[in-house]
Amino acid sequence: MPAFVFSIKWSSWLLAGSVFIAACSRTGTPPAAPPSPANPIVVNPPQVLPDSISYLALGDSYTIGQGVAEIDRFPFITTALLRDKGIKMKAPEIIARTGWSTGDLLAELGKRTISNNFQLVTLLIGVNNQYRRLPLPEYEAEFRQLLTYAVNRAGGNPKQVIVLSIPDYSVTPFARFSNRDQIKREIDLFNEKNLSITAGAGISYIEITTLSRQAANDASLLTYDSLHYSRKYYEQVAARISTLALEKLK
């Protein structure tokens, strides 16, 4: 199935609305109540782009690229592809860590002072919520806050934000002793929620879950740990992001 991208009219709810898997443990203490976004959303931000584009990538192990070199992470590959297309890109800023849930990411963002001047922001988060059996309603509420945060960092412009669906690790050798069907169903449920929220906010969404499931028959999509993804996978993810971002940044 090819990835799909869409954008629906920006909705007013976002004004009020508001990892990878830690293999050593299947349990985790629910994070503290996440902070509220620090800055209000600008409804009609200016459309003038700077000479050098700033890119912020938010997420978990899939964003930080557990098991691969820095240049093999999808934010760096995306940056390189956009540079090849003539877009002047700064090095990407990545805020992500293996094992992070939505609550963990929110807690970390609450400790930082980050500018509102990014022209591209990506968000990929949720696999650790599923892995740690955190409640789906909790994921929904925190994902909304993260989406608001992402839009704020993009200067209040939702058109400069891209959400990525959660990959499905049920097909990896790591999950061989788990209930693969249950993992797949739960990943699908989390993706249904983040897709619905993203669409309602008029923000672009790229489906990369189908691509991740190809690892069932292609071990080269995985790293040495047989769980996280390789450069080969991230190249395909970055190609989809860069194609969409090119339309946004020109």
Protein backbone atom coordinates (compact mmCIF):
# COMPACT_ATOMS: atom_id res chain seq x y z
CA MET A 1 0.00 0.00 0.00
CA PRO A 2 1.55 3.39 -0.90
CA ALA A 3 1.86 6.02 1.80
CA PHE A 4 -0.83 8.67 1.75
CA VAL A 5 -0.71 12.31 2.66
CA PHE A 6 -3.57 14.69 3.13
CA SER A 7 -4.49 17.98 4.69
CA ILE A 8 -7.94 19.04 5.91
CA LYS A 9 -9.07 22.56 6.89
CA TRP A 10 -7.48 23.80 10.13
CA SER A 11 -9.92 23.37 12.94
CA SER A 12 -10.43 25.71 15.87
CA TRP A 13 -10.22 23.01 18.51
CA LEU A 14 -6.44 23.08 18.40
CA LEU A 15 -6.47 26.62 19.82
CA ALA A 16 -8.04 25.27 23.01
CA GLY A 17 -6.66 21.71 22.89
CA SER A 18 -4.06 21.39 24.37
CA VAL A 19 9.83 5.34 21.68
CA PHE A 20 11.28 3.57 21.14
CA ILE A 21 10.49 0.53 23.08
CA ALA A 22 12.66 0.08 26.14
CA ALA A 23 13.40 -3.61 25.57
CA CYS A 24 14.67 -4.11 29.06
CA SER A 25 11.25 -3.62 30.67
CA ARG A 26 7.58 -4.09 29.90
CA THR A 27 6.47 -1.85 32.72
CA GLY A 28 6.81 1.83 33.41
CA THR A 29 5.63 4.42 35.87
CA PRO A 30 3.08 6.74 34.26
CA PRO A 31 4.67 10.16 33.72
CA ALA A 32 3.71 13.21 35.71
CA ALA A 33 0.98 15.48 34.41
CA PRO A 34 2.38 17.12 31.24
CA PRO A 35 2.84 20.87 31.01
CA SER A 36 0.60 23.07 28.95
CA PRO A 37 2.03 24.57 25.75
CA ALA A 38 3.99 27.68 26.61
CA ASN A 39 2.95 29.92 23.75
CA PRO A 40 -0.36 30.73 22.08
CA ILE A 41 -0.92 29.71 18.48
CA VAL A 42 -0.71 32.44 15.85
CA VAL A 43 -3.70 31.95 13.58
CA ASN A 44 -2.39 33.82 10.54
CA PRO A 45 1.41 33.63 10.60
CA PRO A 46 3.49 35.31 7.89
CA GLN A 47 4.38 33.08 4.95
CA VAL A 48 7.86 34.50 4.29
CA LEU A 49 10.49 31.76 4.60
CA PRO A 50 14.01 32.48 5.89
CA ASP A 51 17.16 31.91 3.87
CA SER A 52 17.89 28.73 5.85
CA ILE A 53 15.10 26.37 6.88
CA SER A 54 14.95 25.12 10.47
CA TYR A 55 13.61 21.60 11.06
CA LEU A 56 12.46 20.22 14.43
CA ALA A 57 11.85 16.47 14.80
CA LEU A 58 9.92 15.26 17.86
CA GLY A 59 9.51 11.63 18.86
CA ASP A 60 11.02 8.47 20.32
CA SER A 61 13.50 5.83 19.15
CA TYR A 62 12.18 5.95 15.59
CA THR A 63 13.10 9.63 15.39
CA ILE A 64 16.41 9.43 17.25
CA GLY A 65 17.28 6.39 15.11
CA GLN A 66 18.14 3.77 17.72
CA GLY A 67 20.87 1.55 16.34
CA VAL A 68 21.88 3.69 13.36
CA ALA A 69 24.43 6.46 12.83
CA GLU A 70 23.32 10.09 13.10
CA ILE A 71 23.41 10.58 9.34
CA ASP A 72 21.13 7.54 8.94
CA ARG A 73 18.30 9.01 11.05
CA PHE A 74 15.33 10.06 8.96
CA PRO A 75 15.53 13.77 9.96
CA PHE A 76 19.11 13.91 8.63
CA ILE A 77 18.24 12.00 5.47
CA THR A 78 15.23 14.29 4.93
CA THR A 79 17.48 17.33 5.33
CA ALA A 80 19.95 15.94 2.80
CA LEU A 81 17.19 15.22 0.27
CA LEU A 82 15.80 18.74 0.59
CA ARG A 83 19.27 20.22 0.16
CA ASP A 84 19.62 18.18 -3.03
CA LYS A 85 16.44 19.89 -4.23
CA GLY A 86 17.92 23.32 -3.66
CA ILE A 87 16.36 24.05 -0.25
CA LYS A 88 18.78 25.69 2.17
CA MET A 89 18.43 23.57 5.30
CA LYS A 90 20.05 23.89 8.70
CA ALA A 91 20.97 20.69 10.51
CA PRO A 92 17.81 19.23 12.06
CA GLU A 93 17.11 19.64 15.76
CA ILE A 94 15.94 16.35 17.27
CA ILE A 95 14.16 15.97 20.59
CA ALA A 96 13.60 12.24 20.99
CA ARG A 97 14.74 9.30 23.09
CA THR A 98 14.32 5.56 23.04
CA GLY A 99 11.48 4.50 25.33
CA TRP A 100 9.66 7.82 25.42
CA SER A 101 5.87 7.88 25.57
CA THR A 102 3.78 10.96 24.81
CA GLY A 103 3.94 11.91 28.47
CA ASP A 104 7.72 11.56 28.57
CA LEU A 105 8.11 13.77 25.52
CA LEU A 106 5.79 16.41 26.97
CA ALA A 107 7.71 16.39 30.24
CA GLU A 108 11.01 16.91 28.42
CA LEU A 109 9.61 19.71 26.28
CA GLY A 110 8.38 21.43 29.42
CA LYS A 111 12.01 21.70 30.60
CA ARG A 112 13.25 23.37 27.42
CA THR A 113 13.01 26.78 25.85
CA ILE A 114 12.61 26.29 22.12
CA SER A 115 11.97 28.95 19.51
CA ASN A 116 8.78 29.32 17.48
CA ASN A 117 10.73 29.78 14.26
CA PHE A 118 10.83 26.32 12.71
CA GLN A 119 9.59 26.02 9.16
CA LEU A 120 9.21 22.24 9.37
CA VAL A 121 8.19 20.12 12.37
CA THR A 122 7.61 16.36 12.38
CA LEU A 123 5.95 14.34 15.15
CA LEU A 124 6.14 10.56 15.53
CA ILE A 125 5.14 9.21 18.94
CA GLY A 126 3.03 6.51 20.59
CA VAL A 127 4.64 3.10 20.28
CA ASN A 128 5.79 3.15 23.90
CA ASN A 129 2.30 4.07 25.06
CA GLN A 130 1.14 0.85 23.43
CA TYR A 131 4.11 -1.19 24.64
CA ARG A 132 3.72 -0.06 28.24
CA ARG A 133 -0.06 -0.57 28.08
CA LEU A 134 -0.75 3.08 28.88
CA PRO A 135 -4.42 4.06 28.43
CA LEU A 136 -5.51 5.06 24.96
CA PRO A 137 -7.48 8.12 26.27
CA GLU A 138 -4.26 9.30 27.91
CA TYR A 139 -2.50 9.00 24.56
CA GLU A 140 -5.24 11.01 22.84
CA ALA A 141 -5.05 13.86 25.34
CA GLU A 142 -1.26 14.03 25.31
CA PHE A 143 -1.04 13.68 21.55
CA ARG A 144 -3.33 16.71 21.20
CA GLN A 145 -1.01 18.70 23.46
CA LEU A 146 2.03 17.61 21.45
CA LEU A 147 0.32 18.59 18.21
CA THR A 148 -0.44 22.03 19.65
CA TYR A 149 3.17 22.30 20.75
CA ALA A 150 4.37 21.34 17.26
CA VAL A 151 2.18 24.00 15.63
CA ASN A 152 3.45 26.61 18.10
CA ARG A 153 7.03 25.74 17.23
CA ALA A 154 6.14 26.17 13.56
CA GLY A 155 5.17 29.76 14.23
CA GLY A 156 1.50 28.85 14.55
CA ASN A 157 1.31 27.51 11.00
CA PRO A 158 -0.22 23.99 10.91
CA LYS A 159 0.77 23.63 7.26
CA GLN A 160 4.39 23.33 8.35
CA VAL A 161 3.75 20.33 10.61
CA ILE A 162 3.80 16.68 9.52
CA VAL A 163 2.64 13.73 11.64
CA LEU A 164 3.93 10.22 10.97
CA SER A 165 2.00 7.07 11.83
CA ILE A 166 3.41 4.62 14.40
CA PRO A 167 5.40 1.72 12.90
CA ASP A 168 4.32 -1.83 13.80
CA TYR A 169 7.00 -3.84 15.60
CA SER A 170 4.80 -6.95 15.80
CA VAL A 171 6.49 -8.29 12.66
CA THR A 172 10.00 -8.09 14.13
CA PRO A 173 11.90 -11.00 15.70
CA PHE A 174 11.77 -9.08 18.99
CA ALA A 175 8.03 -9.78 19.17
CA ARG A 176 8.26 -13.50 18.46
CA PHE A 177 7.33 -14.42 22.04
CA SER A 178 4.52 -11.85 22.21
CA ASN A 179 0.98 -11.83 20.92
CA ARG A 180 1.69 -10.40 17.49
CA ASP A 181 -1.96 -10.05 16.52
CA GLN A 182 -2.71 -8.10 19.67
CA ILE A 183 0.23 -5.75 19.09
CA LYS A 184 -0.91 -5.14 15.52
CA ARG A 185 -4.48 -4.40 16.62
CA GLU A 186 -3.33 -2.00 19.30
CA ILE A 187 -0.92 -0.19 16.98
CA ASP A 188 -3.81 0.21 14.55
CA LEU A 189 -5.99 1.66 17.32
CA PHE A 190 -3.33 4.19 18.30
CA ASN A 191 -2.90 5.16 14.67
CA GLU A 192 -6.65 5.58 14.21
CA LYS A 193 -6.59 8.09 17.06
CA ASN A 194 -3.59 10.08 15.91
CA LEU A 195 -4.91 10.11 12.35
CA SER A 196 -8.32 11.40 13.44
CA ILE A 197 -6.79 14.13 15.63
CA THR A 198 -4.33 15.16 12.92
CA ALA A 199 -7.00 15.30 10.23
CA GLY A 200 -9.30 17.34 12.44
CA ALA A 201 -6.51 19.86 12.94
CA GLY A 202 -5.86 20.23 9.22
CA ILE A 203 -2.34 18.87 9.54
CA SER A 204 -0.56 16.64 7.04
CA TYR A 205 -0.19 12.95 7.86
CA ILE A 206 2.11 10.32 6.35
CA GLU A 207 1.30 6.64 6.82
CA ILE A 208 4.51 4.63 7.33
CA THR A 209 3.05 1.67 9.22
CA THR A 210 2.49 -0.42 6.10
CA LEU A 211 6.12 0.12 5.15
CA SER A 212 7.28 -1.05 8.60
CA ARG A 213 5.36 -4.30 8.19
CA GLN A 214 7.52 -5.19 5.21
CA ALA A 215 10.18 -6.10 7.77
CA ALA A 216 8.33 -9.40 8.17
CA ASN A 217 9.89 -10.46 4.87
CA ASP A 218 12.86 -8.11 4.63
CA ALA A 219 15.34 -8.30 7.49
CA SER A 220 17.44 -5.53 5.92
CA LEU A 221 14.83 -3.03 7.12
CA LEU A 222 15.95 -3.76 10.70
CA THR A 223 19.11 -3.03 12.66
CA TYR A 224 21.31 -5.52 14.51
CA ASP A 225 18.86 -5.67 17.44
CA SER A 226 16.09 -7.12 15.23
CA LEU A 227 13.72 -4.51 16.59
CA HIS A 228 14.57 -1.01 15.45
CA TYR A 229 14.75 0.13 11.86
CA SER A 230 17.71 0.53 9.54
CA ARG A 231 18.80 3.25 7.15
CA LYS A 232 17.00 1.39 4.35
CA TYR A 233 13.69 1.93 6.15
CA TYR A 234 14.46 5.52 7.10
CA GLU A 235 15.44 6.36 3.52
CA GLN A 236 11.93 5.50 2.41
CA VAL A 237 10.40 7.44 5.29
CA ALA A 238 12.57 10.46 4.50
CA ALA A 239 11.66 10.31 0.82
CA ARG A 240 7.98 10.65 1.72
CA ILE A 241 8.62 13.48 4.15
CA SER A 242 10.85 15.39 1.75
CA THR A 243 8.35 15.11 -1.10
CA LEU A 244 5.64 16.67 1.03
CA ALA A 245 7.97 19.19 2.67
CA LEU A 246 9.19 20.38 -0.71
CA GLU A 247 5.65 21.44 -1.56
CA LYS A 248 5.37 23.30 1.75
CA LEU A 249 8.73 25.07 1.63
CA LYS A 250 8.76 26.35 -1.94
